[in-house]
Amino acid sequence: MSPRAKRHEKQEVRWAVDTKVPGEYRCGKEENYWIVLEGKRRFMVRVPKGRGPLGIGLQGRIKKDLRLTTELFEDLVDCSLTGPKYEQYLLQRLAEDRL
């Protein structure tokens, strides 16, 4: 049984993505982060601006964009999953052709 996701504040998720995700940052209506692995843009993650809690659906979309399970997403936001470990996880998935 998978763990239930707790609702996170937009600022928490934005900070986790900004500090731990390897890539390029762009700002428009939403904050966009291009994940760069091995010198190539692989995929984009959108994080909304503003304050307050994320809705469960929006939080699920961000988790899916980051290619994370619920447990790993919680670890990323709660700081037990570091930037280098996240990058290693993505590179492993890329090598397995599961990205």
Foldseek 3Di string as FASTA:
>chain_A
DADDADWDKLVLLVVLCVAQAPADWDDDQWIKGFHADPRDGDFIATGHDDTDTDDPVNLVSNCVRLVHDRVVSCCSSVVVQHNVNSNVVVVVCVVVVND
